[in-house]
Amino acid sequence: MSNDQQHGSGQGPQIPEIKLPKFDVAKLRLIFGVVLILLFAMTSFYTIDPEETGLVLRFGEFVRSADPGLHFKIPLGIEQVLKVPIQRQLKEEFGFRTVRAGIQSQYATKPYAEESNMLTGDLNAAMVEWVVQYRIVDPYKYLFQVRNVNETFRDMSEAVMRRIVGDRTVNEVLTVGRAEVALKVQTGLQELCEKYETGIKVDQVVLQDVNPPDPVKPSFNAVNEAQQEKEKLINQAQSEYNREIPRAQGAALQTVQEAEGYAMDRVNRSQGDAALFNAIYDAYRLSPEVTRTRMYLETMTEVLPLVEKKIIVDDQLKGLVPLLNLNGAAAQGGK
C-alpha cells in the first residue's frame, strides 16, 4: 500500500521504538563492593601520633583510650576517635597574638587591648600582656568534664590575673613584683583547674610585657627615671658606707688591741722585774758577799770593754810603779 493510501485510511503516524541500553548487573555489584570495601577500610583504621592519645567514642559514649600507633575501630561512623596532644606544651596568649613566629616575631596588640587593660590596687591603670603555658594531663576530663574548656580556661586565667594585679600597686606590677605576680597567678590558676576538673597542668605563667597606658607613659617614665636615680644614689652611699665603716672599725680595733698588748707587756715586764729583784734580794740576804762579788763582776763586764788599754795586776804586788813607763804613756796620749 502506498503512502497516500495509508493516509487516506485514517491511521496516525507511527512512533519509532526507543531501545534502552542494557546494564551489566555483575559490574554494578563489583563497583558497589569495591566502594564499600574502600569506605570500610578508610573508616576502620586510624593512627595516633607519639605525642598524642586517642579517646574512642561509640555512638558518642567514651569506651576506651588508644595509645600511639595504628588501631582499628568500628567503621561507618559507629566509633569516632578524638585525638588529644598530651606530650605537647600548649600556650594561651593574653593581650596580644603572635602573627608570625621566627627570629623577628611579629605581634598584634591593638585588637586585644581589652584583655590587657587592668586596674591596680592603688587605682592606676596598667597594660598587662602575659602567656600561660600548660599541658593536658587528663584527656578525659579535658574533653568531657567542662564544656568549651579552652574558653573556660582563658576566662579563668584572665580572672586570676585581674585579681592578683588588683591586690598590688602599679609600681609592684611594673617593676619589682612581676615575678611574684606570675607565681601567684600560676598557683591560683592551677587551683581553679583542679577545682573545675579541666585536666590541665599549668607549667608557667610569663608576664610578656607590662606598661602604663599610652597617654600617661611619658609621665610614668619620668617618675621611673627619678626613682632609679634615687636608688642609684642610695646604693652609692651604701657602698661608701660599707667601705669606710669597716675600715674605721678595723683601725679602732687595731689601736685598742695594740694598747692592750702594750699594757700587758708593761705589766708583765714590771711583774718580772719585781720578781727578779725579790729573787736577787732573797739570794743577797742568804750570802751578801757572793751577791756583791757578782754585782761587781757584772759591772766590770760592762765597763772594761770601754777601756782601750788594760793593765791587770795582783792587788798584793809591791813596787809596781817604777816598772811602768808612765811618762811614755803620757807622751803618747798627748800626741
C-alpha atoms as a PDB file:
ATOM      1  CA  MET A   1       0.000   0.000   0.000  1.00  0.00           C
ATOM      2  CA  SER A   2       1.273   3.414  -0.893  1.00  0.00           C
ATOM      3  CA  ASN A   3       1.741   6.304   1.473  1.00  0.00           C
ATOM      4  CA  ASP A   4      -1.308   8.057   0.049  1.00  0.00           C
ATOM      5  CA  GLN A   5      -3.413   5.065   0.708  1.00  0.00           C
ATOM      6  CA  GLN A   6      -2.124   4.844   4.302  1.00  0.00           C
ATOM      7  CA  HIS A   7      -3.014   8.498   4.973  1.00  0.00           C
ATOM      8  CA  GLY A   8      -6.347   8.054   3.432  1.00  0.00           C
ATOM      9  CA  SER A   9      -7.129   5.085   5.624  1.00  0.00           C
ATOM     10  CA  GLY A  10      -7.284   7.332   8.742  1.00  0.00           C
ATOM     11  CA  GLN A  11      -4.347   5.773  10.688  1.00  0.00           C
ATOM     12  CA  GLY A  12      -1.965   8.166  12.627  1.00  0.00           C
ATOM     13  CA  PRO A  13       1.873   8.311  12.226  1.00  0.00           C
ATOM     14  CA  GLN A  14       3.898   5.517  13.841  1.00  0.00           C
ATOM     15  CA  ILE A  15       6.314   6.402  16.796  1.00  0.00           C
ATOM     16  CA  PRO A  16       9.771   4.880  16.396  1.00  0.00           C
ATOM     17  CA  GLU A  17      10.740   2.357  19.100  1.00  0.00           C
ATOM     18  CA  ILE A  18      13.480   3.535  21.578  1.00  0.00           C
ATOM     19  CA  LYS A  19      15.837   0.848  22.804  1.00  0.00           C
ATOM     20  CA  LEU A  20      17.388   1.414  26.321  1.00  0.00           C
ATOM     21  CA  PRO A  21      20.944   0.224  26.933  1.00  0.00           C
ATOM     22  CA  LYS A  22      21.270  -2.936  28.930  1.00  0.00           C
ATOM     23  CA  PHE A  23      23.091  -2.618  32.324  1.00  0.00           C
ATOM     24  CA  ASP A  24      25.614  -5.203  33.418  1.00  0.00           C
ATOM     25  CA  VAL A  25      24.412  -6.158  36.899  1.00  0.00           C
ATOM     26  CA  ALA A  26      27.642  -8.005  37.684  1.00  0.00           C
ATOM     27  CA  LYS A  27      29.760  -4.911  37.048  1.00  0.00           C
ATOM     28  CA  LEU A  28      27.471  -2.784  39.194  1.00  0.00           C
ATOM     29  CA  ARG A  29      27.782  -5.256  42.032  1.00  0.00           C
ATOM     30  CA  LEU A  30      31.579  -5.254  41.648  1.00  0.00           C
ATOM     31  CA  ILE A  31      31.816  -1.438  41.713  1.00  0.00           C
ATOM     32  CA  PHE A  32      29.494  -1.247  44.711  1.00  0.00           C
ATOM     33  CA  GLY A  33      31.547  -3.880  46.511  1.00  0.00           C
ATOM     34  CA  VAL A  34      34.855  -2.071  45.845  1.00  0.00           C
ATOM     35  CA  VAL A  35      33.406   1.244  47.052  1.00  0.00           C
ATOM     36  CA  LEU A  36      32.041  -0.435  50.166  1.00  0.00           C
ATOM     37  CA  ILE A  37      35.386  -2.095  50.890  1.00  0.00           C
ATOM     38  CA  LEU A  38      37.262   1.194  50.437  1.00  0.00           C
ATOM     39  CA  LEU A  39      34.801   3.015  52.658  1.00  0.00           C
ATOM     40  CA  PHE A  40      35.078   0.264  55.242  1.00  0.00           C
ATOM     41  CA  ALA A  41      38.899   0.377  55.168  1.00  0.00           C
ATOM     42  CA  MET A  42      39.090   4.172  55.311  1.00  0.00           C
ATOM     43  CA  THR A  43      36.805   4.377  58.334  1.00  0.00           C
ATOM     44  CA  SER A  44      38.190   1.353  60.183  1.00  0.00           C
ATOM     45  CA  PHE A  45      41.851   2.277  60.799  1.00  0.00           C
ATOM     46  CA  TYR A  46      43.384   5.324  62.420  1.00  0.00           C
ATOM     47  CA  THR A  47      46.815   6.403  63.660  1.00  0.00           C
ATOM     48  CA  ILE A  48      47.774   8.089  66.917  1.00  0.00           C
ATOM     49  CA  ASP A  49      50.968  10.192  66.836  1.00  0.00           C
ATOM     50  CA  PRO A  50      53.662   9.719  69.517  1.00  0.00           C
ATOM     51  CA  GLU A  51      52.754  12.933  71.326  1.00  0.00           C
ATOM     52  CA  GLU A  52      49.005  12.209  71.324  1.00  0.00           C
ATOM     53  CA  THR A  53      46.490   9.907  72.904  1.00  0.00           C
ATOM     54  CA  GLY A  54      43.161   8.854  71.422  1.00  0.00           C
ATOM     55  CA  LEU A  55      39.710   8.638  73.015  1.00  0.00           C
ATOM     56  CA  VAL A  56      37.314   6.300  71.208  1.00  0.00           C
ATOM     57  CA  LEU A  57      33.601   7.147  71.306  1.00  0.00           C
ATOM     58  CA  ARG A  58      30.880   4.698  70.338  1.00  0.00           C
ATOM     59  CA  PHE A  59      27.646   6.476  69.467  1.00  0.00           C
ATOM     60  CA  GLY A  60      29.046   9.471  71.434  1.00  0.00           C
ATOM     61  CA  GLU A  61      29.916   7.483  74.572  1.00  0.00           C
ATOM     62  CA  PHE A  62      33.517   7.042  75.698  1.00  0.00           C
ATOM     63  CA  VAL A  63      34.543   3.369  75.553  1.00  0.00           C
ATOM     64  CA  ARG A  64      38.352   3.244  75.565  1.00  0.00           C
ATOM     65  CA  SER A  65      41.587   5.140  75.056  1.00  0.00           C
ATOM     66  CA  ALA A  66      44.238   4.447  72.406  1.00  0.00           C
ATOM     67  CA  ASP A  67      47.998   4.724  72.711  1.00  0.00           C
ATOM     68  CA  PRO A  68      50.264   5.920  69.881  1.00  0.00           C
ATOM     69  CA  GLY A  69      50.285   3.626  66.846  1.00  0.00           C
ATOM     70  CA  LEU A  70      47.899   2.065  64.314  1.00  0.00           C
ATOM     71  CA  HIS A  71      44.480   0.987  65.637  1.00  0.00           C
ATOM     72  CA  PHE A  72      41.141  -0.431  64.443  1.00  0.00           C
ATOM     73  CA  LYS A  73      37.666   0.914  65.137  1.00  0.00           C
ATOM     74  CA  ILE A  74      34.169   0.069  64.070  1.00  0.00           C
ATOM     75  CA  PRO A  75      33.639   1.814  60.699  1.00  0.00           C
ATOM     76  CA  LEU A  76      30.876   3.842  59.153  1.00  0.00           C
ATOM     77  CA  GLY A  77      30.781   6.405  61.955  1.00  0.00           C
ATOM     78  CA  ILE A  78      29.792   3.976  64.662  1.00  0.00           C
ATOM     79  CA  GLU A  79      33.009   4.720  66.549  1.00  0.00           C
ATOM     80  CA  GLN A  80      34.803   8.058  66.450  1.00  0.00           C
ATOM     81  CA  VAL A  81      38.299   8.989  67.665  1.00  0.00           C
ATOM     82  CA  LEU A  82      39.252  12.255  69.350  1.00  0.00           C
ATOM     83  CA  LYS A  83      42.998  12.959  69.450  1.00  0.00           C
ATOM     84  CA  VAL A  84      44.451  14.950  72.347  1.00  0.00           C
ATOM     85  CA  PRO A  85      48.110  16.170  72.416  1.00  0.00           C
ATOM     86  CA  ILE A  86      49.242  15.176  75.916  1.00  0.00           C
ATOM     87  CA  GLN A  87      53.022  15.404  75.319  1.00  0.00           C
ATOM     88  CA  ARG A  88      52.961  18.858  73.743  1.00  0.00           C
ATOM     89  CA  GLN A  89      53.222  22.102  75.699  1.00  0.00           C
ATOM     90  CA  LEU A  90      50.397  24.425  74.695  1.00  0.00           C
ATOM     91  CA  LYS A  91      50.055  28.133  75.325  1.00  0.00           C
ATOM     92  CA  GLU A  92      47.435  30.830  75.511  1.00  0.00           C
ATOM     93  CA  GLU A  93      48.284  34.483  74.809  1.00  0.00           C
ATOM     94  CA  PHE A  94      46.511  37.362  76.524  1.00  0.00           C
ATOM     95  CA  GLY A  95      46.618  40.988  75.405  1.00  0.00           C
ATOM     96  CA  PHE A  96      48.369  40.128  72.143  1.00  0.00           C
ATOM     97  CA  ARG A  97      48.598  37.447  69.474  1.00  0.00           C
ATOM     98  CA  THR A  98      51.605  36.133  67.590  1.00  0.00           C
ATOM     99  CA  VAL A  99      51.111  36.987  63.934  1.00  0.00           C
ATOM    100  CA  ARG A 100      54.317  35.407  62.709  1.00  0.00           C
ATOM    101  CA  ALA A 101      56.839  33.471  64.760  1.00  0.00           C
ATOM    102  CA  GLY A 102      60.515  33.423  63.914  1.00  0.00           C
ATOM    103  CA  ILE A 103      63.754  35.229  64.602  1.00  0.00           C
ATOM    104  CA  GLN A 104      61.877  38.512  64.439  1.00  0.00           C
ATOM    105  CA  SER A 105      58.400  37.590  65.590  1.00  0.00           C
ATOM    106  CA  GLN A 106      55.502  39.893  64.864  1.00  0.00           C
ATOM    107  CA  TYR A 107      52.690  40.547  67.328  1.00  0.00           C
ATOM    108  CA  ALA A 108      49.300  42.208  67.186  1.00  0.00           C
ATOM    109  CA  THR A 109      48.123  44.075  70.301  1.00  0.00           C
ATOM    110  CA  LYS A 110      45.515  46.699  69.385  1.00  0.00           C
ATOM    111  CA  PRO A 111      42.575  44.333  68.785  1.00  0.00           C
ATOM    112  CA  TYR A 112      43.168  42.718  72.199  1.00  0.00           C
ATOM    113  CA  ALA A 113      43.608  45.802  74.379  1.00  0.00           C
ATOM    114  CA  GLU A 114      40.563  44.913  76.495  1.00  0.00           C
ATOM    115  CA  GLU A 115      42.301  41.746  77.706  1.00  0.00           C
ATOM    116  CA  SER A 116      45.397  43.604  78.906  1.00  0.00           C
ATOM    117  CA  ASN A 117      43.799  46.756  80.367  1.00  0.00           C
ATOM    118  CA  MET A 118      43.708  46.277  84.153  1.00  0.00           C
ATOM    119  CA  LEU A 119      43.254  48.314  87.333  1.00  0.00           C
ATOM    120  CA  THR A 120      45.835  48.008  90.125  1.00  0.00           C
ATOM    121  CA  GLY A 121      45.229  48.184  93.848  1.00  0.00           C
ATOM    122  CA  ASP A 122      46.161  51.878  94.039  1.00  0.00           C
ATOM    123  CA  LEU A 123      43.621  52.715  91.308  1.00  0.00           C
ATOM    124  CA  ASN A 124      46.135  53.062  88.482  1.00  0.00           C
ATOM    125  CA  ALA A 125      45.798  51.538  85.025  1.00  0.00           C
ATOM    126  CA  ALA A 126      48.310  49.072  83.606  1.00  0.00           C
ATOM    127  CA  MET A 127      48.546  47.202  80.309  1.00  0.00           C
ATOM    128  CA  VAL A 128      49.455  43.629  81.212  1.00  0.00           C
ATOM    129  CA  GLU A 129      50.316  41.103  78.484  1.00  0.00           C
ATOM    130  CA  TRP A 130      51.024  37.539  79.563  1.00  0.00           C
ATOM    131  CA  VAL A 131      51.363  33.968  78.330  1.00  0.00           C
ATOM    132  CA  VAL A 132      50.124  30.794  80.035  1.00  0.00           C
ATOM    133  CA  GLN A 133      51.985  27.595  79.147  1.00  0.00           C
ATOM    134  CA  TYR A 134      50.165  24.376  80.015  1.00  0.00           C
ATOM    135  CA  ARG A 135      49.846  20.678  79.266  1.00  0.00           C
ATOM    136  CA  ILE A 136      46.881  18.295  79.115  1.00  0.00           C
ATOM    137  CA  VAL A 137      47.387  15.609  81.755  1.00  0.00           C
ATOM    138  CA  ASP A 138      43.903  14.048  81.772  1.00  0.00           C
ATOM    139  CA  PRO A 139      42.364  13.831  78.286  1.00  0.00           C
ATOM    140  CA  TYR A 140      39.022  12.517  79.546  1.00  0.00           C
ATOM    141  CA  LYS A 141      38.482  15.462  81.904  1.00  0.00           C
ATOM    142  CA  TYR A 142      39.749  17.881  79.269  1.00  0.00           C
ATOM    143  CA  LEU A 143      37.136  16.724  76.722  1.00  0.00           C
ATOM    144  CA  PHE A 144      34.117  15.764  78.818  1.00  0.00           C
ATOM    145  CA  GLN A 145      34.148  17.447  82.244  1.00  0.00           C
ATOM    146  CA  VAL A 146      33.962  21.078  81.092  1.00  0.00           C
ATOM    147  CA  ARG A 147      32.044  22.481  78.135  1.00  0.00           C
ATOM    148  CA  ASN A 148      34.178  24.769  75.940  1.00  0.00           C
ATOM    149  CA  VAL A 149      37.249  24.053  78.024  1.00  0.00           C
ATOM    150  CA  ASN A 150      39.507  26.433  76.072  1.00  0.00           C
ATOM    151  CA  GLU A 151      37.217  29.402  76.588  1.00  0.00           C
ATOM    152  CA  THR A 152      36.743  28.462  80.235  1.00  0.00           C
ATOM    153  CA  PHE A 153      40.498  28.190  80.729  1.00  0.00           C
ATOM    154  CA  ARG A 154      41.044  31.636  79.188  1.00  0.00           C
ATOM    155  CA  ASP A 155      38.324  33.147  81.370  1.00  0.00           C
ATOM    156  CA  MET A 156      39.892  31.608  84.477  1.00  0.00           C
ATOM    157  CA  SER A 157      43.342  32.920  83.527  1.00  0.00           C
ATOM    158  CA  GLU A 158      42.058  36.428  82.986  1.00  0.00           C
ATOM    159  CA  ALA A 159      40.054  36.386  86.239  1.00  0.00           C
ATOM    160  CA  VAL A 160      43.040  35.245  88.315  1.00  0.00           C
ATOM    161  CA  MET A 161      45.373  37.788  86.697  1.00  0.00           C
ATOM    162  CA  ARG A 162      42.958  40.651  87.343  1.00  0.00           C
ATOM    163  CA  ARG A 163      42.551  39.571  90.970  1.00  0.00           C
ATOM    164  CA  ILE A 164      46.301  39.362  91.612  1.00  0.00           C
ATOM    165  CA  VAL A 165      47.041  42.662  89.847  1.00  0.00           C
ATOM    166  CA  GLY A 166      44.193  44.346  91.741  1.00  0.00           C
ATOM    167  CA  ASP A 167      45.857  43.423  95.069  1.00  0.00           C
ATOM    168  CA  ARG A 168      49.132  45.251  94.238  1.00  0.00           C
ATOM    169  CA  THR A 169      50.310  48.730  93.453  1.00  0.00           C
ATOM    170  CA  VAL A 170      51.238  49.802  89.955  1.00  0.00           C
ATOM    171  CA  ASN A 171      54.936  50.019  90.899  1.00  0.00           C
ATOM    172  CA  GLU A 172      54.929  46.425  92.100  1.00  0.00           C
ATOM    173  CA  VAL A 173      53.261  45.210  88.927  1.00  0.00           C
ATOM    174  CA  LEU A 174      55.550  47.171  86.613  1.00  0.00           C
ATOM    175  CA  THR A 175      58.870  46.641  88.416  1.00  0.00           C
ATOM    176  CA  VAL A 176      59.869  44.552  91.417  1.00  0.00           C
ATOM    177  CA  GLY A 177      56.686  42.488  91.818  1.00  0.00           C
ATOM    178  CA  ARG A 178      56.431  40.936  88.350  1.00  0.00           C
ATOM    179  CA  ALA A 179      57.928  37.575  89.326  1.00  0.00           C
ATOM    180  CA  GLU A 180      55.689  37.325  92.381  1.00  0.00           C
ATOM    181  CA  VAL A 181      52.604  38.206  90.308  1.00  0.00           C
ATOM    182  CA  ALA A 182      53.431  35.489  87.755  1.00  0.00           C
ATOM    183  CA  LEU A 183      53.933  32.895  90.508  1.00  0.00           C
ATOM    184  CA  LYS A 184      50.701  33.849  92.280  1.00  0.00           C
ATOM    185  CA  VAL A 185      48.745  33.642  89.012  1.00  0.00           C
ATOM    186  CA  GLN A 186      50.203  30.211  88.237  1.00  0.00           C
ATOM    187  CA  THR A 187      49.265  28.897  91.692  1.00  0.00           C
ATOM    188  CA  GLY A 188      45.748  30.365  91.637  1.00  0.00           C
ATOM    189  CA  LEU A 189      45.057  29.191  88.092  1.00  0.00           C
ATOM    190  CA  GLN A 190      46.183  25.649  88.909  1.00  0.00           C
ATOM    191  CA  GLU A 191      43.845  25.578  91.904  1.00  0.00           C
ATOM    192  CA  LEU A 192      40.911  26.569  89.675  1.00  0.00           C
ATOM    193  CA  CYS A 193      41.858  23.953  87.070  1.00  0.00           C
ATOM    194  CA  GLU A 194      41.814  21.246  89.740  1.00  0.00           C
ATOM    195  CA  LYS A 195      38.550  22.546  91.172  1.00  0.00           C
ATOM    196  CA  TYR A 196      36.820  22.539  87.777  1.00  0.00           C
ATOM    197  CA  GLU A 197      38.488  19.222  86.781  1.00  0.00           C
ATOM    198  CA  THR A 198      39.753  20.542  83.470  1.00  0.00           C
ATOM    199  CA  GLY A 199      42.595  18.013  83.221  1.00  0.00           C
ATOM    200  CA  ILE A 200      45.118  20.843  82.653  1.00  0.00           C
ATOM    201  CA  LYS A 201      48.505  21.260  84.348  1.00  0.00           C
ATOM    202  CA  VAL A 202      49.790  24.871  84.330  1.00  0.00           C
ATOM    203  CA  ASP A 203      53.536  24.815  83.672  1.00  0.00           C
ATOM    204  CA  GLN A 204      54.363  28.513  83.705  1.00  0.00           C
ATOM    205  CA  VAL A 205      52.891  31.996  83.586  1.00  0.00           C
ATOM    206  CA  VAL A 206      55.101  34.618  81.914  1.00  0.00           C
ATOM    207  CA  LEU A 207      54.434  38.344  82.013  1.00  0.00           C
ATOM    208  CA  GLN A 208      55.313  39.222  78.440  1.00  0.00           C
ATOM    209  CA  ASP A 209      55.079  42.989  78.788  1.00  0.00           C
ATOM    210  CA  VAL A 210      53.731  45.355  81.444  1.00  0.00           C
ATOM    211  CA  ASN A 211      53.384  49.048  80.620  1.00  0.00           C
ATOM    212  CA  PRO A 212      51.290  52.015  81.645  1.00  0.00           C
ATOM    213  CA  PRO A 213      48.664  53.228  79.155  1.00  0.00           C
ATOM    214  CA  ASP A 214      49.997  55.341  76.303  1.00  0.00           C
ATOM    215  CA  PRO A 215      48.523  58.702  77.498  1.00  0.00           C
ATOM    216  CA  VAL A 216      50.401  58.537  80.843  1.00  0.00           C
ATOM    217  CA  LYS A 217      53.524  56.708  79.661  1.00  0.00           C
ATOM    218  CA  PRO A 218      55.798  59.841  79.427  1.00  0.00           C
ATOM    219  CA  SER A 219      54.942  60.925  82.975  1.00  0.00           C
ATOM    220  CA  PHE A 220      55.385  57.430  84.270  1.00  0.00           C
ATOM    221  CA  ASN A 221      58.772  57.107  82.574  1.00  0.00           C
ATOM    222  CA  ALA A 222      59.882  60.364  84.210  1.00  0.00           C
ATOM    223  CA  VAL A 223      58.851  59.057  87.618  1.00  0.00           C
ATOM    224  CA  ASN A 224      60.688  55.797  86.990  1.00  0.00           C
ATOM    225  CA  GLU A 225      63.851  57.657  85.991  1.00  0.00           C
ATOM    226  CA  ALA A 226      63.692  59.692  89.190  1.00  0.00           C
ATOM    227  CA  GLN A 227      63.203  56.566  91.258  1.00  0.00           C
ATOM    228  CA  GLN A 228      66.088  54.843  89.519  1.00  0.00           C
ATOM    229  CA  GLU A 229      68.324  57.862  90.180  1.00  0.00           C
ATOM    230  CA  LYS A 230      67.256  57.778  93.810  1.00  0.00           C
ATOM    231  CA  GLU A 231      68.077  54.078  94.068  1.00  0.00           C
ATOM    232  CA  LYS A 232      71.414  54.708  92.379  1.00  0.00           C
ATOM    233  CA  LEU A 233      72.395  57.396  94.904  1.00  0.00           C
ATOM    234  CA  ILE A 234      71.252  55.243  97.808  1.00  0.00           C
ATOM    235  CA  ASN A 235      73.310  52.333  96.528  1.00  0.00           C
ATOM    236  CA  GLN A 236      76.370  54.551  96.086  1.00  0.00           C
ATOM    237  CA  ALA A 237      76.029  55.905  99.621  1.00  0.00           C
ATOM    238  CA  GLN A 238      75.541  52.408 100.981  1.00  0.00           C
ATOM    239  CA  SER A 239      78.641  51.258  99.103  1.00  0.00           C
ATOM    240  CA  GLU A 240      80.693  54.136 100.544  1.00  0.00           C
ATOM    241  CA  TYR A 241      79.346  53.353 104.000  1.00  0.00           C
ATOM    242  CA  ASN A 242      80.223  49.675 103.645  1.00  0.00           C
ATOM    243  CA  ARG A 243      83.741  50.608 102.561  1.00  0.00           C
ATOM    244  CA  GLU A 244      84.571  53.263 105.183  1.00  0.00           C
ATOM    245  CA  ILE A 245      82.845  51.962 108.304  1.00  0.00           C
ATOM    246  CA  PRO A 246      84.589  48.546 108.336  1.00  0.00           C
ATOM    247  CA  ARG A 247      87.918  50.290 107.678  1.00  0.00           C
ATOM    248  CA  ALA A 248      87.404  52.667 110.645  1.00  0.00           C
ATOM    249  CA  GLN A 249      86.219  49.823 112.840  1.00  0.00           C
ATOM    250  CA  GLY A 250      89.307  47.827 111.883  1.00  0.00           C
ATOM    251  CA  ALA A 251      91.627  50.736 112.663  1.00  0.00           C
ATOM    252  CA  ALA A 252      89.929  51.318 116.015  1.00  0.00           C
ATOM    253  CA  LEU A 253      90.132  47.645 116.880  1.00  0.00           C
ATOM    254  CA  GLN A 254      93.819  47.587 115.914  1.00  0.00           C
ATOM    255  CA  THR A 255      94.552  50.608 118.161  1.00  0.00           C
ATOM    256  CA  VAL A 256      92.689  49.052 121.087  1.00  0.00           C
ATOM    257  CA  GLN A 257      94.485  45.731 120.635  1.00  0.00           C
ATOM    258  CA  GLU A 258      97.889  47.486 120.413  1.00  0.00           C
ATOM    259  CA  ALA A 259      97.117  49.425 123.606  1.00  0.00           C
ATOM    260  CA  GLU A 260      96.009  46.273 125.375  1.00  0.00           C
ATOM    261  CA  GLY A 261      99.144  44.486 124.156  1.00  0.00           C
ATOM    262  CA  TYR A 262     101.376  47.351 125.362  1.00  0.00           C
ATOM    263  CA  ALA A 263      99.661  47.442 128.756  1.00  0.00           C
ATOM    264  CA  MET A 264     100.005  43.686 129.106  1.00  0.00           C
ATOM    265  CA  ASP A 265     103.672  43.882 128.116  1.00  0.00           C
ATOM    266  CA  ARG A 266     104.406  46.640 130.653  1.00  0.00           C
ATOM    267  CA  VAL A 267     102.584  44.802 133.409  1.00  0.00           C
ATOM    268  CA  ASN A 268     104.357  41.542 132.651  1.00  0.00           C
ATOM    269  CA  ARG A 269     107.740  43.286 132.486  1.00  0.00           C
ATOM    270  CA  SER A 270     107.080  45.071 135.787  1.00  0.00           C
ATOM    271  CA  GLN A 271     105.981  41.864 137.417  1.00  0.00           C
ATOM    272  CA  GLY A 272     109.059  40.122 136.017  1.00  0.00           C
ATOM    273  CA  ASP A 273     111.404  42.888 137.221  1.00  0.00           C
ATOM    274  CA  ALA A 274     109.806  42.822 140.653  1.00  0.00           C
ATOM    275  CA  ALA A 275     110.109  39.038 140.813  1.00  0.00           C
ATOM    276  CA  LEU A 276     113.751  39.261 139.707  1.00  0.00           C
ATOM    277  CA  PHE A 277     114.502  41.926 142.331  1.00  0.00           C
ATOM    278  CA  ASN A 278     112.820  39.884 145.029  1.00  0.00           C
ATOM    279  CA  ALA A 279     114.780  36.809 143.979  1.00  0.00           C
ATOM    280  CA  ILE A 280     118.080  38.739 143.999  1.00  0.00           C
ATOM    281  CA  TYR A 281     117.213  40.257 147.352  1.00  0.00           C
ATOM    282  CA  ASP A 282     116.416  36.843 148.785  1.00  0.00           C
ATOM    283  CA  ALA A 283     119.740  35.499 147.459  1.00  0.00           C
ATOM    284  CA  TYR A 284     121.567  38.564 148.806  1.00  0.00           C
ATOM    285  CA  ARG A 285     120.143  38.016 152.255  1.00  0.00           C
ATOM    286  CA  LEU A 286     121.451  34.457 152.234  1.00  0.00           C
ATOM    287  CA  SER A 287     125.034  35.418 151.145  1.00  0.00           C
ATOM    288  CA  PRO A 288     125.785  39.141 150.821  1.00  0.00           C
ATOM    289  CA  GLU A 289     129.432  38.637 149.767  1.00  0.00           C
ATOM    290  CA  VAL A 290     128.555  36.441 146.843  1.00  0.00           C
ATOM    291  CA  THR A 291     125.976  38.942 145.695  1.00  0.00           C
ATOM    292  CA  ARG A 292     128.400  41.874 145.984  1.00  0.00           C
ATOM    293  CA  THR A 293     131.047  39.919 144.059  1.00  0.00           C
ATOM    294  CA  ARG A 294     128.559  39.023 141.351  1.00  0.00           C
ATOM    295  CA  MET A 295     127.381  42.607 141.048  1.00  0.00           C
ATOM    296  CA  TYR A 296     130.999  43.804 140.852  1.00  0.00           C
ATOM    297  CA  LEU A 297     131.841  41.310 138.144  1.00  0.00           C
ATOM    298  CA  GLU A 298     128.735  42.207 136.141  1.00  0.00           C
ATOM    299  CA  THR A 299     129.593  45.900 136.402  1.00  0.00           C
ATOM    300  CA  MET A 300     133.192  45.332 135.332  1.00  0.00           C
ATOM    301  CA  THR A 301     131.931  43.251 132.410  1.00  0.00           C
ATOM    302  CA  GLU A 302     130.065  46.273 131.178  1.00  0.00           C
ATOM    303  CA  VAL A 303     132.823  48.838 131.928  1.00  0.00           C
ATOM    304  CA  LEU A 304     136.047  47.131 130.845  1.00  0.00           C
ATOM    305  CA  PRO A 305     135.095  46.789 127.158  1.00  0.00           C
ATOM    306  CA  LEU A 306     135.016  50.605 127.041  1.00  0.00           C
ATOM    307  CA  VAL A 307     138.674  50.942 128.196  1.00  0.00           C
ATOM    308  CA  GLU A 308     141.211  50.931 125.351  1.00  0.00           C
ATOM    309  CA  LYS A 309     144.312  49.792 127.343  1.00  0.00           C
ATOM    310  CA  LYS A 310     144.067  47.492 130.293  1.00  0.00           C
ATOM    311  CA  ILE A 311     146.764  46.519 132.819  1.00  0.00           C
ATOM    312  CA  ILE A 312     145.714  43.823 135.174  1.00  0.00           C
ATOM    313  CA  VAL A 313     147.968  43.242 138.262  1.00  0.00           C
ATOM    314  CA  ASP A 314     147.746  41.451 141.506  1.00  0.00           C
ATOM    315  CA  ASP A 315     146.458  43.674 144.295  1.00  0.00           C
ATOM    316  CA  GLN A 316     149.236  42.324 146.571  1.00  0.00           C
ATOM    317  CA  LEU A 317     152.103  43.149 144.185  1.00  0.00           C
ATOM    318  CA  LYS A 318     154.817  45.560 145.619  1.00  0.00           C
ATOM    319  CA  GLY A 319     156.984  48.064 143.748  1.00  0.00           C
ATOM    320  CA  LEU A 320     154.944  48.103 140.602  1.00  0.00           C
ATOM    321  CA  VAL A 321     155.117  51.853 139.892  1.00  0.00           C
ATOM    322  CA  PRO A 322     158.827  52.142 138.878  1.00  0.00           C
ATOM    323  CA  LEU A 323     158.291  49.443 136.280  1.00  0.00           C
ATOM    324  CA  LEU A 324     155.581  51.278 134.461  1.00  0.00           C
ATOM    325  CA  ASN A 325     156.605  53.731 131.760  1.00  0.00           C
ATOM    326  CA  LEU A 326     154.046  56.286 132.749  1.00  0.00           C
ATOM    327  CA  ASN A 327     155.882  59.147 131.035  1.00  0.00           C
ATOM    328  CA  GLY A 328     155.877  57.330 127.725  1.00  0.00           C
ATOM    329  CA  ALA A 329     152.213  56.579 128.064  1.00  0.00           C
ATOM    330  CA  ALA A 330     151.553  60.201 128.931  1.00  0.00           C
ATOM    331  CA  ALA A 331     153.583  61.377 125.940  1.00  0.00           C
ATOM    332  CA  GLN A 332     151.772  59.071 123.577  1.00  0.00           C
ATOM    333  CA  GLY A 333     148.491  60.254 124.977  1.00  0.00           C
ATOM    334  CA  GLY A 334     149.472  63.866 124.430  1.00  0.00           C
ATOM    335  CA  LYS A 335     150.205  63.417 120.756  1.00  0.00           C
END
